[in-house]
Amino acid sequence: MEKAEADRIEQLVTSAFADGEVGSVAVLEHGDDPEVGPGETAVRVFINLAGQPEDESGHANMHTFHEAHRKAFRKLGEQLRPVAWWIEFRASGEAGHRGTLRSNLREPEPAEVAGELTPVMTRLGPPDLATVDTLITAGIATSRAEVLRWAVARIREHPVYAQIQQRVNEISELKAQF
């Protein structure tokens, strides 16, 4: 991403809130954060919670900040949707302040909306993540989730998988006999 576009995003975020509420804005691209895939952009915003309303435990937190700025959060999400995959708000780290809010800005895939897919979370080490990202860069898939669906489909198509599935069914039948 060009510096001018990153500066525009930072200005958009800081102008959505009162002076001093935004501590800093990080526009993240692939390689800046492990959660940002090839071709993706994300935004991380550090919020100064000093002077914000406190919760029942006496701490300012992102929930109370979000409630007080609900319209700004919604408008910012709409403005960033064309350029960013997700936006994350974090407390600036001051003692007594806590919380993180994250919002995915892209629409879920149609099959997910229809309930046909089950979300699965996984953690990948650096070599596996590099493999997934290489497949995206090569055009095999457009996202990390799509790469994993593709890989599982390739396993299911392999002839040995049918044998494994048959053995699992046999074991299930044997267990039922006990």
Foldseek 3Di string as FASTA:
>chain_A
DDPVVVVVLFVLLCVLDDPPQWPGKDWDAPPRDLVHAHPAIEMETETAQVPFDADPVRAREPVSVCVVRVVSVVVSLVVCLVHHQKYKYFYNPDPRYGDMDMDGSYDDDPCVVVVNDDDDDDDDDPVVSVVLRVCCVVVVDVDSVVSVVVVVVVVCPDPVVVVVVVVVVVVVVVVVVD
